[in-house]
Amino acid sequence: MKTPPVVSPQEWEAARQRLLAEEKALTRARDALAARRRRMPWQAVEKEYAFEGPEGRVGLLDLFHGRRQLIVYRAFHEPGVSGWPDHACVGCSMLADHVGHLAHLNARDTTLVFASRASQPDIERVKARMGWTMPWYTITDDFDADFGVDEWHGTNAFIREGDAVFRTYFINVRGDEALGSTWSYLDMTALGRQETWEDSPEGYPQTPPYEWWHWHDEYGKGGEA
């Protein structure tokens, strides 16, 4: 293996500063892209969809759990998928391992769920084996085909206005690799991180960063979300 040169601390720091300038430019570009997502048009969801959950049959609106926004990751756990029946597909499983504590998303009025075609007993079994705790539903109709995730994994974002549901964004293929953290999920939503520094349309909910952040077991104990 041909390795890079070994240099002095001063030369190393100079090289790091050159890359840091590029990293900061990438961060600003990522923020600008998220701002454009917040201005994406919305697609009305006019069709009724049904899922099976731990407590029985539910609709798409129920998946919000009363919150304003919903993120649905289509995971492949079903007959015919590598790993069945003991595992979900290896890529979907790796993404599931990266999902952060959901209390932080919930504090931003956002729910994350997984959806597959496996039955609820099969889903609960693999969740228990792998130590996953995210809500995970069974697709029973054309939801996966209608939202571009019938043949490959992908993540759809939705928002609701009362009982009206709208699709706001979609990420798939290698885009899913960046997901898992609270920030990456919020950045794909219509409302974003909902922090005052963001470039968002007028009237969008925003609060200062740090002020809404909390320990995941303390939300709700002092008036927080």
Foldseek 3Di string as FASTA:
>chain_A
DDDDDDDDPVVVVVVVVVVVVVVVVVVVVLLVVLQVLLVFDWAWDPDWFWWQFPVGIDTPLVQLVPFFKEKEKEWEADPPAPPPQQETHPVSLVLQVQADDCLLVVLVRYAYEYEYQDDHVSVVNNCVVSVGDHTYIHGDDCPCVVQVRPPFIKMWMWGDDVSIIITRAIGGDCRSVPDRYSQSVQSNYNLRSQAPVGNHPPPRRHHHPPPQDDPSVCAPVPPGD
